[in-house]
């Protein structure tokens, strides 16, 4: 994490969890409207006016896909499974909206905005009233929005502090869609670990 991100997360603690990557030197030249920091790194202020009058004010007047295409070409999105549909809405998986709408974690709630029902490219899912998520592909159903710590107390799970080493992310301490899937990535929806020999399952579940 770059120095500016460390400063930003003091107030926006969750903003960089599942968001456009930052704190790195881009391989391509960016338009002058999106400045890099003194090291040549892309940071929060590349896209945001840090001292703007409105919270989260973006540079320029472009939004959504039009903003993305200022730096990325269409081919970048065409190579994604869902042609970038999941990413061009916002630079962040926004966890501020609908947090209390249903009893699941906020990151999963955002994912369901596209994937609940008939999402044609990325796969559709359904969630039961007790928080069991089912994939239309037939993959094993799994609970979401449930406390990992509470589950661990019953035994059969690895310690919570070991999960980050295995790329397993919790949302407010809860099992989430983003615990198993890489969300804000070029290969959107990719599993954080292989299913071979149940490696993904065993990242959380003890043998």
N, C-alpha and C. Protein backbone atom coordinates (compact mmCIF):
# COMPACT_ATOMS: atom_id res chain seq x y z
N UNK A 1 0.84 -1.18 0.00
CA UNK A 1 0.00 0.00 0.00
C UNK A 1 0.88 1.24 0.00
N UNK A 2 0.57 2.19 -0.87
CA UNK A 2 1.35 3.41 -0.99
C UNK A 2 1.04 4.36 0.16
N UNK A 3 1.93 5.36 0.35
CA UNK A 3 1.78 6.28 1.46
C UNK A 3 0.43 6.99 1.43
N UNK A 4 -0.03 7.39 0.25
CA UNK A 4 -1.31 8.10 0.19
C UNK A 4 -2.47 7.21 0.58
N UNK A 5 -2.42 5.94 0.16
CA UNK A 5 -3.49 5.02 0.53
C UNK A 5 -3.54 4.83 2.05
N UNK A 6 -2.39 4.79 2.68
CA UNK A 6 -2.35 4.66 4.14
C UNK A 6 -3.06 5.83 4.79
N UNK A 7 -2.88 7.03 4.23
CA UNK A 7 -3.55 8.21 4.74
C UNK A 7 -5.06 8.14 4.47
N UNK A 8 -5.43 7.75 3.25
CA UNK A 8 -6.85 7.73 2.88
C UNK A 8 -7.66 6.74 3.71
N UNK A 9 -7.07 5.58 3.99
CA UNK A 9 -7.84 4.56 4.70
C UNK A 9 -8.08 4.91 6.16
N UNK A 10 -7.43 5.95 6.66
CA UNK A 10 -7.72 6.38 8.03
C UNK A 10 -9.17 6.82 8.16
N UNK A 11 -9.71 7.39 7.08
CA UNK A 11 -11.12 7.78 7.08
C UNK A 11 -11.99 6.84 6.25
N UNK A 12 -11.40 6.28 5.19
CA UNK A 12 -12.13 5.39 4.28
C UNK A 12 -11.57 3.99 4.43
N UNK A 13 -11.80 3.42 5.59
CA UNK A 13 -11.12 2.18 5.97
C UNK A 13 -11.37 1.03 5.00
N UNK A 14 -12.52 0.99 4.35
CA UNK A 14 -12.85 -0.14 3.50
C UNK A 14 -12.69 0.16 2.01
N UNK A 15 -12.28 1.38 1.69
CA UNK A 15 -12.30 1.82 0.30
C UNK A 15 -11.35 1.05 -0.59
N UNK A 16 -10.23 0.57 -0.05
CA UNK A 16 -9.24 -0.08 -0.91
C UNK A 16 -9.33 -1.60 -0.87
N UNK A 17 -10.29 -2.14 -0.14
CA UNK A 17 -10.36 -3.60 -0.01
C UNK A 17 -10.64 -4.28 -1.35
N UNK A 18 -11.67 -3.85 -2.02
CA UNK A 18 -12.05 -4.46 -3.29
C UNK A 18 -12.30 -3.33 -4.27
N UNK A 19 -11.21 -2.77 -4.76
CA UNK A 19 -11.28 -1.57 -5.58
C UNK A 19 -10.25 -1.63 -6.68
N UNK A 20 -10.29 -0.62 -7.55
CA UNK A 20 -9.27 -0.49 -8.58
C UNK A 20 -7.90 -0.47 -7.90
N UNK A 21 -6.94 -1.23 -8.40
CA UNK A 21 -5.60 -1.24 -7.77
C UNK A 21 -5.01 0.16 -7.71
N UNK A 22 -4.23 0.42 -6.68
CA UNK A 22 -3.54 1.70 -6.55
C UNK A 22 -2.21 1.45 -5.85
N UNK A 23 -1.38 2.49 -5.81
CA UNK A 23 -0.07 2.35 -5.17
C UNK A 23 0.92 1.61 -6.04
N UNK A 24 0.82 1.74 -7.36
CA UNK A 24 1.74 1.06 -8.27
C UNK A 24 2.05 1.99 -9.45
N UNK A 25 3.11 1.68 -10.17
CA UNK A 25 3.48 2.46 -11.35
C UNK A 25 2.83 1.85 -12.57
N UNK A 26 1.93 2.56 -13.24
CA UNK A 26 1.25 1.99 -14.41
C UNK A 26 2.21 1.74 -15.57
N UNK A 27 1.92 0.71 -16.34
CA UNK A 27 2.77 0.37 -17.48
C UNK A 27 2.55 1.29 -18.66
N UNK A 28 1.40 1.92 -18.72
CA UNK A 28 1.07 2.80 -19.84
C UNK A 28 1.02 4.24 -19.35
N UNK A 29 1.13 5.16 -20.27
CA UNK A 29 1.03 6.58 -19.94
C UNK A 29 -0.44 6.94 -19.74
N UNK A 30 -0.72 7.71 -18.72
CA UNK A 30 -2.08 8.14 -18.45
C UNK A 30 -2.29 9.57 -18.94
N UNK A 31 -3.53 9.92 -19.28
CA UNK A 31 -3.81 11.30 -19.67
C UNK A 31 -3.41 12.27 -18.56
N UNK A 32 -3.04 13.48 -18.94
CA UNK A 32 -2.60 14.47 -17.97
C UNK A 32 -3.67 14.79 -16.94
N UNK A 33 -4.93 14.53 -17.28
CA UNK A 33 -6.03 14.81 -16.35
C UNK A 33 -6.02 13.90 -15.13
N UNK A 34 -5.23 12.81 -15.20
CA UNK A 34 -5.16 11.85 -14.10
C UNK A 34 -3.71 11.75 -13.62
N UNK A 35 -3.31 12.65 -12.73
CA UNK A 35 -1.90 12.74 -12.32
C UNK A 35 -1.44 11.59 -11.44
N UNK A 36 -0.17 11.23 -11.61
CA UNK A 36 0.49 10.26 -10.74
C UNK A 36 1.17 11.02 -9.61
N UNK A 37 1.62 10.30 -8.58
CA UNK A 37 2.31 11.00 -7.50
C UNK A 37 3.77 11.24 -7.87
N UNK A 38 4.54 11.77 -6.97
CA UNK A 38 5.92 12.16 -7.26
C UNK A 38 6.81 10.97 -7.62
N UNK A 39 6.39 9.75 -7.24
CA UNK A 39 7.15 8.54 -7.58
C UNK A 39 6.71 7.95 -8.91
N UNK A 40 5.66 8.52 -9.49
CA UNK A 40 5.11 7.96 -10.71
C UNK A 40 4.09 6.87 -10.46
N UNK A 41 3.55 6.81 -9.22
CA UNK A 41 2.57 5.79 -8.86
C UNK A 41 1.14 6.31 -9.02
N UNK A 42 0.24 5.41 -9.41
CA UNK A 42 -1.18 5.69 -9.42
C UNK A 42 -1.69 5.60 -7.99
N UNK A 43 -2.40 6.62 -7.54
CA UNK A 43 -2.90 6.66 -6.17
C UNK A 43 -4.38 7.04 -6.17
N UNK A 44 -4.95 7.18 -4.99
CA UNK A 44 -6.35 7.59 -4.88
C UNK A 44 -6.60 8.92 -5.59
N UNK A 45 -5.65 9.84 -5.47
CA UNK A 45 -5.86 11.17 -6.05
C UNK A 45 -5.62 11.20 -7.55
N UNK A 46 -5.24 10.08 -8.15
CA UNK A 46 -5.19 10.01 -9.61
C UNK A 46 -6.59 10.19 -10.18
N UNK A 47 -7.58 9.62 -9.51
CA UNK A 47 -8.97 9.73 -9.96
C UNK A 47 -9.81 10.68 -9.11
N UNK A 48 -9.41 10.89 -7.85
CA UNK A 48 -10.21 11.69 -6.93
C UNK A 48 -9.54 13.03 -6.61
N UNK A 49 -10.35 14.06 -6.51
CA UNK A 49 -9.89 15.36 -6.01
C UNK A 49 -9.94 15.29 -4.49
N UNK A 50 -8.79 15.13 -3.88
CA UNK A 50 -8.77 14.88 -2.43
C UNK A 50 -9.28 16.06 -1.62
N UNK A 51 -9.25 17.25 -2.20
CA UNK A 51 -9.75 18.42 -1.48
C UNK A 51 -10.98 19.01 -2.17
N UNK A 52 -11.70 18.16 -2.89
CA UNK A 52 -12.92 18.61 -3.54
C UNK A 52 -14.00 18.93 -2.52
N UNK A 53 -15.03 19.62 -2.96
CA UNK A 53 -16.10 20.03 -2.06
C UNK A 53 -17.06 18.90 -1.74
N UNK A 54 -17.17 17.95 -2.65
CA UNK A 54 -18.09 16.84 -2.44
C UNK A 54 -17.29 15.58 -2.10
N UNK A 55 -17.86 14.76 -1.25
CA UNK A 55 -17.20 13.52 -0.86
C UNK A 55 -17.03 12.61 -2.07
N UNK A 56 -15.81 12.13 -2.28
CA UNK A 56 -15.56 11.20 -3.37
C UNK A 56 -15.55 11.85 -4.74
N UNK A 57 -15.36 13.17 -4.81
CA UNK A 57 -15.43 13.87 -6.08
C UNK A 57 -14.39 13.34 -7.06
N UNK A 58 -14.85 12.98 -8.25
CA UNK A 58 -13.96 12.47 -9.28
C UNK A 58 -13.44 13.60 -10.15
N UNK A 59 -12.27 13.39 -10.72
CA UNK A 59 -11.72 14.36 -11.65
C UNK A 59 -12.53 14.34 -12.95
N UNK A 60 -12.65 15.49 -13.58
CA UNK A 60 -13.34 15.57 -14.85
C UNK A 60 -14.83 15.34 -14.73
N UNK A 61 -15.49 15.19 -15.87
CA UNK A 61 -16.94 15.01 -15.87
C UNK A 61 -17.38 13.66 -16.43
N UNK A 62 -16.43 12.75 -16.64
CA UNK A 62 -16.78 11.43 -17.15
C UNK A 62 -17.04 10.48 -16.00
N UNK A 63 -17.95 9.54 -16.21
CA UNK A 63 -18.29 8.59 -15.17
C UNK A 63 -18.45 7.20 -15.79
N UNK A 64 -18.42 6.20 -14.92
CA UNK A 64 -18.60 4.80 -15.32
C UNK A 64 -17.66 4.43 -16.47
N UNK A 65 -18.17 3.76 -17.49
CA UNK A 65 -17.31 3.22 -18.54
C UNK A 65 -16.53 4.30 -19.28
N UNK A 66 -17.14 5.46 -19.48
CA UNK A 66 -16.46 6.55 -20.18
C UNK A 66 -15.20 6.97 -19.44
N UNK A 67 -15.26 6.96 -18.12
CA UNK A 67 -14.09 7.29 -17.31
C UNK A 67 -13.03 6.21 -17.46
N UNK A 68 -13.44 4.95 -17.40
CA UNK A 68 -12.50 3.83 -17.52
C UNK A 68 -11.74 3.88 -18.85
N UNK A 69 -12.46 4.25 -19.92
CA UNK A 69 -11.87 4.23 -21.26
C UNK A 69 -10.89 5.38 -21.49
N UNK A 70 -10.79 6.30 -20.55
CA UNK A 70 -9.75 7.32 -20.67
C UNK A 70 -8.37 6.71 -20.49
N UNK A 71 -8.28 5.62 -19.73
CA UNK A 71 -6.99 4.97 -19.49
C UNK A 71 -6.90 3.58 -20.13
N UNK A 72 -8.01 2.86 -20.18
CA UNK A 72 -8.03 1.50 -20.73
C UNK A 72 -8.69 1.52 -22.11
N UNK A 73 -8.22 0.63 -23.00
CA UNK A 73 -8.90 0.52 -24.28
C UNK A 73 -10.00 -0.53 -24.19
N UNK A 74 -10.86 -0.58 -25.18
CA UNK A 74 -12.00 -1.49 -25.15
C UNK A 74 -11.55 -2.94 -25.10
N UNK A 75 -10.41 -3.24 -25.74
CA UNK A 75 -9.91 -4.61 -25.76
C UNK A 75 -9.63 -5.13 -24.35
N UNK A 76 -9.22 -4.23 -23.46
CA UNK A 76 -8.95 -4.61 -22.06
C UNK A 76 -10.19 -5.22 -21.43
N UNK A 77 -11.36 -4.62 -21.71
CA UNK A 77 -12.60 -5.12 -21.14
C UNK A 77 -13.16 -6.30 -21.94
N UNK A 78 -12.94 -6.30 -23.25
CA UNK A 78 -13.45 -7.40 -24.08
C UNK A 78 -12.85 -8.73 -23.67
N UNK A 79 -11.65 -8.71 -23.09
CA UNK A 79 -10.99 -9.95 -22.69
C UNK A 79 -11.52 -10.51 -21.37
N UNK A 80 -12.40 -9.77 -20.70
CA UNK A 80 -12.98 -10.24 -19.44
C UNK A 80 -14.20 -11.10 -19.72
N UNK A 81 -14.52 -11.99 -18.82
CA UNK A 81 -15.64 -12.90 -19.00
C UNK A 81 -16.95 -12.16 -19.21
N UNK A 82 -17.12 -11.05 -18.48
CA UNK A 82 -18.38 -10.30 -18.61
C UNK A 82 -18.17 -8.99 -19.34
N UNK A 83 -17.08 -8.91 -20.14
CA UNK A 83 -16.77 -7.70 -20.93
C UNK A 83 -16.66 -6.45 -20.06
N UNK A 84 -16.32 -6.65 -18.80
CA UNK A 84 -16.10 -5.52 -17.90
C UNK A 84 -17.34 -4.97 -17.25
N UNK A 85 -18.48 -5.61 -17.46
CA UNK A 85 -19.74 -5.11 -16.90
C UNK A 85 -19.64 -4.89 -15.39
N UNK A 86 -18.97 -5.80 -14.71
CA UNK A 86 -18.91 -5.73 -13.26
C UNK A 86 -18.00 -4.62 -12.75
N UNK A 87 -17.10 -4.15 -13.60
CA UNK A 87 -16.09 -3.20 -13.13
C UNK A 87 -16.34 -1.77 -13.52
N UNK A 88 -17.05 -1.54 -14.61
CA UNK A 88 -17.15 -0.17 -15.13
C UNK A 88 -18.25 0.64 -14.45
N UNK A 89 -18.96 0.05 -13.50
CA UNK A 89 -19.97 0.79 -12.77
C UNK A 89 -19.30 1.79 -11.84
N UNK A 90 -18.25 1.35 -11.17
CA UNK A 90 -17.58 2.18 -10.18
C UNK A 90 -16.17 1.64 -9.97
N UNK A 91 -15.28 2.48 -9.46
CA UNK A 91 -13.92 2.05 -9.16
C UNK A 91 -13.83 1.24 -7.88
N UNK A 92 -14.94 1.10 -7.19
CA UNK A 92 -14.96 0.37 -5.93
C UNK A 92 -16.20 -0.51 -5.87
N UNK A 93 -16.06 -1.64 -5.19
CA UNK A 93 -17.27 -2.35 -4.80
C UNK A 93 -17.81 -1.59 -3.60
N UNK A 94 -18.82 -0.79 -3.81
CA UNK A 94 -19.29 0.16 -2.82
C UNK A 94 -20.03 -0.56 -1.70
N UNK A 95 -19.49 -0.48 -0.48
CA UNK A 95 -20.12 -1.16 0.65
C UNK A 95 -20.96 -0.20 1.48
N UNK A 96 -21.24 0.98 0.96
CA UNK A 96 -21.98 1.96 1.76
C UNK A 96 -23.48 1.89 1.54
N UNK A 97 -23.93 1.21 0.47
CA UNK A 97 -25.36 1.21 0.15
C UNK A 97 -25.99 -0.15 0.46
N UNK A 98 -27.18 -0.12 1.00
CA UNK A 98 -27.94 -1.34 1.19
C UNK A 98 -27.39 -2.27 2.25
N UNK A 99 -26.57 -1.74 3.16
CA UNK A 99 -25.93 -2.60 4.14
C UNK A 99 -26.95 -3.37 4.98
N UNK A 100 -28.09 -2.76 5.25
CA UNK A 100 -29.06 -3.42 6.12
C UNK A 100 -30.26 -3.97 5.37
N UNK A 101 -30.16 -4.00 4.03
CA UNK A 101 -31.31 -4.43 3.24
C UNK A 101 -31.67 -5.89 3.49
N UNK A 102 -30.67 -6.76 3.48
CA UNK A 102 -30.89 -8.17 3.81
C UNK A 102 -29.74 -8.62 4.69
N UNK A 103 -29.92 -9.75 5.33
CA UNK A 103 -28.95 -10.17 6.34
C UNK A 103 -27.78 -10.93 5.72
N UNK A 104 -27.02 -10.25 4.85
CA UNK A 104 -25.76 -10.79 4.38
C UNK A 104 -24.75 -9.66 4.43
N UNK A 105 -23.48 -10.01 4.19
CA UNK A 105 -22.45 -8.98 4.25
C UNK A 105 -22.58 -8.00 3.08
N UNK A 106 -22.04 -6.81 3.26
CA UNK A 106 -22.23 -5.73 2.29
C UNK A 106 -21.52 -6.00 0.95
N UNK A 107 -20.37 -6.66 0.98
CA UNK A 107 -19.69 -6.96 -0.29
C UNK A 107 -20.53 -7.92 -1.13
N UNK A 108 -21.06 -8.95 -0.50
CA UNK A 108 -21.91 -9.89 -1.23
C UNK A 108 -23.16 -9.21 -1.76
N UNK A 109 -23.69 -8.28 -0.98
CA UNK A 109 -24.88 -7.55 -1.41
C UNK A 109 -24.60 -6.80 -2.71
N UNK A 110 -23.42 -6.23 -2.81
CA UNK A 110 -23.04 -5.53 -4.04
C UNK A 110 -22.92 -6.51 -5.20
N UNK A 111 -22.30 -7.65 -4.95
CA UNK A 111 -22.14 -8.67 -6.00
C UNK A 111 -23.50 -9.11 -6.54
N UNK A 112 -24.46 -9.25 -5.64
CA UNK A 112 -25.79 -9.71 -6.04
C UNK A 112 -26.51 -8.71 -6.93
N UNK A 113 -26.05 -7.45 -6.90
CA UNK A 113 -26.65 -6.46 -7.77
C UNK A 113 -26.59 -6.85 -9.23
N UNK A 114 -25.54 -7.60 -9.61
CA UNK A 114 -25.42 -8.09 -10.99
C UNK A 114 -25.71 -9.58 -11.10
N UNK A 115 -25.30 -10.35 -10.11
CA UNK A 115 -25.31 -11.80 -10.25
C UNK A 115 -26.57 -12.49 -9.75
N UNK A 116 -27.44 -11.78 -9.05
CA UNK A 116 -28.69 -12.40 -8.62
C UNK A 116 -29.68 -12.38 -9.77
N UNK A 117 -30.08 -13.53 -10.22
CA UNK A 117 -31.03 -13.60 -11.33
C UNK A 117 -30.35 -14.03 -12.60
N UNK A 118 -30.54 -13.27 -13.68
CA UNK A 118 -30.10 -13.74 -14.99
C UNK A 118 -28.86 -13.07 -15.53
N UNK A 119 -27.80 -13.03 -14.78
CA UNK A 119 -26.55 -12.45 -15.28
C UNK A 119 -25.99 -13.39 -16.33
N UNK A 120 -26.01 -12.99 -17.58
CA UNK A 120 -25.75 -13.90 -18.69
C UNK A 120 -24.30 -14.31 -18.83
N UNK A 121 -23.36 -13.41 -18.51
CA UNK A 121 -21.96 -13.71 -18.79
C UNK A 121 -21.22 -14.24 -17.56
N UNK A 122 -21.48 -13.66 -16.39
CA UNK A 122 -20.68 -14.00 -15.23
C UNK A 122 -21.26 -15.10 -14.37
N UNK A 123 -22.45 -15.59 -14.69
CA UNK A 123 -23.05 -16.64 -13.88
C UNK A 123 -24.02 -16.06 -12.88
N UNK A 124 -25.18 -16.66 -12.75
CA UNK A 124 -26.18 -16.16 -11.81
C UNK A 124 -26.17 -17.00 -10.53
N UNK A 125 -26.66 -16.39 -9.46
CA UNK A 125 -26.71 -17.06 -8.16
C UNK A 125 -28.05 -16.75 -7.51
N UNK A 126 -28.37 -17.53 -6.51
CA UNK A 126 -29.54 -17.24 -5.68
C UNK A 126 -29.14 -17.43 -4.23
N UNK A 127 -29.82 -16.72 -3.34
CA UNK A 127 -29.50 -16.79 -1.92
C UNK A 127 -30.78 -17.08 -1.16
N UNK A 128 -30.74 -18.11 -0.33
CA UNK A 128 -31.92 -18.47 0.46
C UNK A 128 -32.06 -17.52 1.65
N UNK A 129 -33.18 -17.60 2.34
CA UNK A 129 -33.43 -16.72 3.48
C UNK A 129 -32.42 -16.93 4.60
N UNK A 130 -31.86 -18.12 4.68
CA UNK A 130 -30.87 -18.37 5.73
C UNK A 130 -29.44 -18.16 5.24
N UNK A 131 -29.28 -17.45 4.10
CA UNK A 131 -27.95 -17.05 3.66
C UNK A 131 -27.16 -18.10 2.92
N UNK A 132 -27.81 -19.11 2.36
CA UNK A 132 -27.09 -20.12 1.59
C UNK A 132 -27.08 -19.69 0.12
N UNK A 133 -25.91 -19.49 -0.42
CA UNK A 133 -25.77 -19.07 -1.82
C UNK A 133 -25.63 -20.30 -2.72
N UNK A 134 -26.39 -20.30 -3.82
CA UNK A 134 -26.34 -21.39 -4.78
C UNK A 134 -25.99 -20.84 -6.15
N UNK A 135 -25.01 -21.45 -6.81
CA UNK A 135 -24.59 -21.04 -8.15
C UNK A 135 -25.41 -21.78 -9.20
N UNK A 136 -25.76 -21.08 -10.26
CA UNK A 136 -26.50 -21.72 -11.35
C UNK A 136 -25.66 -22.78 -12.04
N UNK A 137 -24.33 -22.69 -11.89
CA UNK A 137 -23.43 -23.66 -12.52
C UNK A 137 -23.49 -25.02 -11.84
N UNK A 138 -24.09 -25.07 -10.64
CA UNK A 138 -24.15 -26.32 -9.90
C UNK A 138 -23.04 -26.47 -8.89
N UNK A 139 -22.17 -25.46 -8.77
CA UNK A 139 -21.11 -25.52 -7.76
C UNK A 139 -21.73 -25.67 -6.37
N UNK A 140 -20.93 -26.19 -5.47
CA UNK A 140 -21.42 -26.48 -4.12
C UNK A 140 -21.99 -25.23 -3.46
N UNK A 141 -23.19 -25.31 -2.89
CA UNK A 141 -23.76 -24.16 -2.16
C UNK A 141 -22.91 -23.83 -0.94
N UNK A 142 -22.94 -22.58 -0.53
CA UNK A 142 -22.11 -22.15 0.59
C UNK A 142 -22.77 -20.97 1.29
N UNK A 143 -22.71 -20.92 2.61
CA UNK A 143 -23.28 -19.76 3.32
C UNK A 143 -22.46 -18.50 3.08
N UNK A 144 -23.12 -17.36 3.05
CA UNK A 144 -22.44 -16.07 3.01
C UNK A 144 -23.06 -15.19 4.09
N UNK A 145 -22.34 -14.14 4.47
CA UNK A 145 -22.86 -13.23 5.48
C UNK A 145 -22.88 -13.80 6.88
N UNK A 146 -22.11 -14.85 7.12
CA UNK A 146 -22.06 -15.47 8.44
C UNK A 146 -20.69 -15.27 9.07
N UNK A 147 -20.65 -15.05 10.35
CA UNK A 147 -19.40 -14.76 11.06
C UNK A 147 -18.46 -15.95 11.03
N UNK A 148 -17.26 -15.72 10.54
CA UNK A 148 -16.25 -16.79 10.52
C UNK A 148 -15.85 -17.15 11.95
N UNK A 149 -15.78 -16.14 12.77
CA UNK A 149 -15.35 -16.38 14.15
C UNK A 149 -16.36 -17.27 14.88
N UNK A 150 -17.64 -17.01 14.66
CA UNK A 150 -18.67 -17.83 15.31
C UNK A 150 -18.59 -19.27 14.82
N UNK A 151 -18.37 -19.43 13.51
CA UNK A 151 -18.26 -20.78 12.97
C UNK A 151 -17.02 -21.49 13.53
N UNK A 152 -15.93 -20.75 13.69
CA UNK A 152 -14.68 -21.34 14.18
C UNK A 152 -14.82 -21.88 15.59
N UNK A 153 -15.67 -21.26 16.37
CA UNK A 153 -15.84 -21.70 17.76
C UNK A 153 -16.39 -23.13 17.83
N UNK A 154 -17.05 -23.55 16.76
CA UNK A 154 -17.61 -24.90 16.73
C UNK A 154 -16.57 -25.94 16.33
N UNK A 155 -15.39 -25.44 15.91
CA UNK A 155 -14.31 -26.35 15.53
C UNK A 155 -14.31 -26.67 14.05
N UNK A 156 -13.16 -27.17 13.56
CA UNK A 156 -13.06 -27.59 12.17
C UNK A 156 -12.63 -26.51 11.20
N UNK A 157 -12.17 -25.35 11.72
CA UNK A 157 -11.72 -24.25 10.87
C UNK A 157 -10.32 -23.80 11.25
N UNK A 158 -9.59 -23.28 10.27
CA UNK A 158 -8.29 -22.70 10.55
C UNK A 158 -8.46 -21.37 11.28
N UNK A 159 -7.46 -20.94 12.07
CA UNK A 159 -7.56 -19.66 12.77
C UNK A 159 -7.78 -18.50 11.80
N UNK A 160 -8.58 -17.55 12.21
CA UNK A 160 -8.94 -16.41 11.36
C UNK A 160 -7.71 -15.65 10.88
N UNK A 161 -6.70 -15.53 11.73
CA UNK A 161 -5.52 -14.74 11.38
C UNK A 161 -4.69 -15.37 10.26
N UNK A 162 -4.95 -16.62 9.93
CA UNK A 162 -4.22 -17.29 8.86
C UNK A 162 -4.85 -17.08 7.48
N UNK A 163 -6.06 -16.56 7.44
CA UNK A 163 -6.79 -16.49 6.18
C UNK A 163 -6.15 -15.54 5.17
N UNK A 164 -5.63 -14.42 5.64
CA UNK A 164 -5.05 -13.44 4.72
C UNK A 164 -3.88 -14.03 3.95
N UNK A 165 -3.13 -14.92 4.58
CA UNK A 165 -2.00 -15.56 3.90
C UNK A 165 -2.47 -16.43 2.74
N UNK A 166 -3.72 -16.86 2.80
CA UNK A 166 -4.28 -17.71 1.76
C UNK A 166 -5.22 -16.93 0.83
N UNK A 167 -5.16 -15.60 0.90
CA UNK A 167 -5.95 -14.69 0.06
C UNK A 167 -7.45 -14.77 0.34
N UNK A 168 -7.79 -15.29 1.51
CA UNK A 168 -9.21 -15.35 1.89
C UNK A 168 -9.56 -14.06 2.61
N UNK A 169 -10.48 -13.29 2.06
CA UNK A 169 -10.88 -12.02 2.64
C UNK A 169 -12.24 -12.15 3.29
N UNK A 170 -12.38 -11.60 4.47
CA UNK A 170 -13.67 -11.56 5.16
C UNK A 170 -14.25 -10.15 5.02
N UNK A 171 -15.56 -10.04 5.04
CA UNK A 171 -16.24 -8.75 4.97
C UNK A 171 -16.87 -8.49 6.32
N UNK A 172 -16.28 -7.55 7.07
CA UNK A 172 -16.73 -7.31 8.44
C UNK A 172 -16.69 -8.60 9.26
N UNK A 173 -15.68 -9.43 8.99
CA UNK A 173 -15.53 -10.68 9.72
C UNK A 173 -16.44 -11.79 9.24
N UNK A 174 -17.15 -11.54 8.13
CA UNK A 174 -18.11 -12.53 7.63
C UNK A 174 -17.64 -13.18 6.33
N UNK A 175 -18.06 -14.42 6.13
CA UNK A 175 -17.83 -15.11 4.86
C UNK A 175 -18.60 -14.37 3.77
N UNK A 176 -17.94 -14.12 2.65
CA UNK A 176 -18.50 -13.28 1.61
C UNK A 176 -18.21 -13.88 0.24
N UNK A 177 -18.88 -13.36 -0.78
CA UNK A 177 -18.53 -13.73 -2.15
C UNK A 177 -17.05 -13.49 -2.41
N UNK A 178 -16.52 -12.39 -1.85
CA UNK A 178 -15.12 -12.04 -2.09
C UNK A 178 -14.16 -12.84 -1.23
N UNK A 179 -14.69 -13.74 -0.40
CA UNK A 179 -13.81 -14.67 0.32
C UNK A 179 -13.26 -15.73 -0.62
N UNK A 180 -14.05 -16.09 -1.62
CA UNK A 180 -13.66 -17.13 -2.56
C UNK A 180 -13.31 -16.60 -3.95
N UNK A 181 -13.86 -15.43 -4.30
CA UNK A 181 -13.67 -14.90 -5.65
C UNK A 181 -12.89 -13.59 -5.63
N UNK A 182 -12.02 -13.43 -6.62
CA UNK A 182 -11.34 -12.16 -6.82
C UNK A 182 -12.31 -11.23 -7.54
N UNK A 183 -12.65 -10.13 -6.92
CA UNK A 183 -13.71 -9.28 -7.48
C UNK A 183 -13.17 -8.21 -8.42
N UNK A 184 -12.43 -7.26 -7.88
CA UNK A 184 -12.00 -6.15 -8.73
C UNK A 184 -10.67 -6.50 -9.38
N UNK A 185 -10.71 -7.39 -10.34
CA UNK A 185 -9.53 -7.86 -11.06
C UNK A 185 -9.88 -7.98 -12.52
N UNK A 186 -8.85 -8.04 -13.36
CA UNK A 186 -9.08 -8.22 -14.79
C UNK A 186 -9.79 -9.54 -15.04
N UNK A 187 -9.39 -10.59 -14.33
CA UNK A 187 -10.06 -11.89 -14.44
C UNK A 187 -11.15 -11.94 -13.37
N UNK A 188 -12.18 -11.15 -13.58
CA UNK A 188 -13.23 -10.96 -12.58
C UNK A 188 -13.91 -12.28 -12.23
N UNK A 189 -14.00 -12.56 -10.95
CA UNK A 189 -14.67 -13.76 -10.49
C UNK A 189 -13.77 -14.97 -10.33
N UNK A 190 -12.50 -14.82 -10.66
CA UNK A 190 -11.57 -15.94 -10.52
C UNK A 190 -11.50 -16.39 -9.06
N UNK A 191 -11.42 -17.68 -8.85
CA UNK A 191 -11.29 -18.20 -7.50
C UNK A 191 -9.93 -17.83 -6.92
N UNK A 192 -9.88 -17.57 -5.62
CA UNK A 192 -8.61 -17.19 -4.99
C UNK A 192 -7.68 -18.38 -4.82
N UNK A 193 -8.20 -19.58 -4.98
CA UNK A 193 -7.38 -20.79 -4.92
C UNK A 193 -8.02 -21.85 -5.80
N UNK A 194 -7.25 -22.81 -6.22
CA UNK A 194 -7.76 -23.86 -7.09
C UNK A 194 -8.69 -24.80 -6.33
N UNK A 195 -9.58 -25.44 -7.08
CA UNK A 195 -10.44 -26.46 -6.49
C UNK A 195 -9.77 -27.83 -6.48
N UNK A 196 -8.62 -27.95 -7.15
CA UNK A 196 -7.91 -29.22 -7.17
C UNK A 196 -7.56 -29.64 -5.75
N UNK A 197 -7.86 -30.90 -5.45
CA UNK A 197 -7.61 -31.46 -4.11
C UNK A 197 -8.28 -30.61 -3.02
N UNK A 198 -9.36 -29.93 -3.41
CA UNK A 198 -10.15 -29.12 -2.47
C UNK A 198 -9.32 -28.02 -1.80
N UNK A 199 -8.34 -27.46 -2.53
CA UNK A 199 -7.44 -26.46 -1.95
C UNK A 199 -8.21 -25.23 -1.46
N UNK A 200 -9.20 -24.79 -2.23
CA UNK A 200 -9.97 -23.62 -1.80
C UNK A 200 -10.72 -23.92 -0.52
N UNK A 201 -11.40 -25.04 -0.46
CA UNK A 201 -12.16 -25.40 0.74
C UNK A 201 -11.26 -25.52 1.96
N UNK A 202 -10.07 -26.11 1.75
CA UNK A 202 -9.17 -26.36 2.86
C UNK A 202 -8.43 -25.11 3.32
N UNK A 203 -8.61 -24.01 2.59
CA UNK A 203 -8.03 -22.74 3.06
C UNK A 203 -8.72 -22.29 4.35
N UNK A 204 -9.99 -22.67 4.50
CA UNK A 204 -10.74 -22.34 5.72
C UNK A 204 -11.03 -23.56 6.58
N UNK A 205 -11.43 -24.64 5.91
CA UNK A 205 -11.83 -25.84 6.64
C UNK A 205 -10.62 -26.71 6.95
N UNK A 206 -10.47 -27.08 8.20
CA UNK A 206 -9.39 -27.99 8.59
C UNK A 206 -9.79 -29.40 8.18
N UNK A 207 -8.78 -30.21 7.90
CA UNK A 207 -9.06 -31.60 7.49
C UNK A 207 -9.75 -32.37 8.60
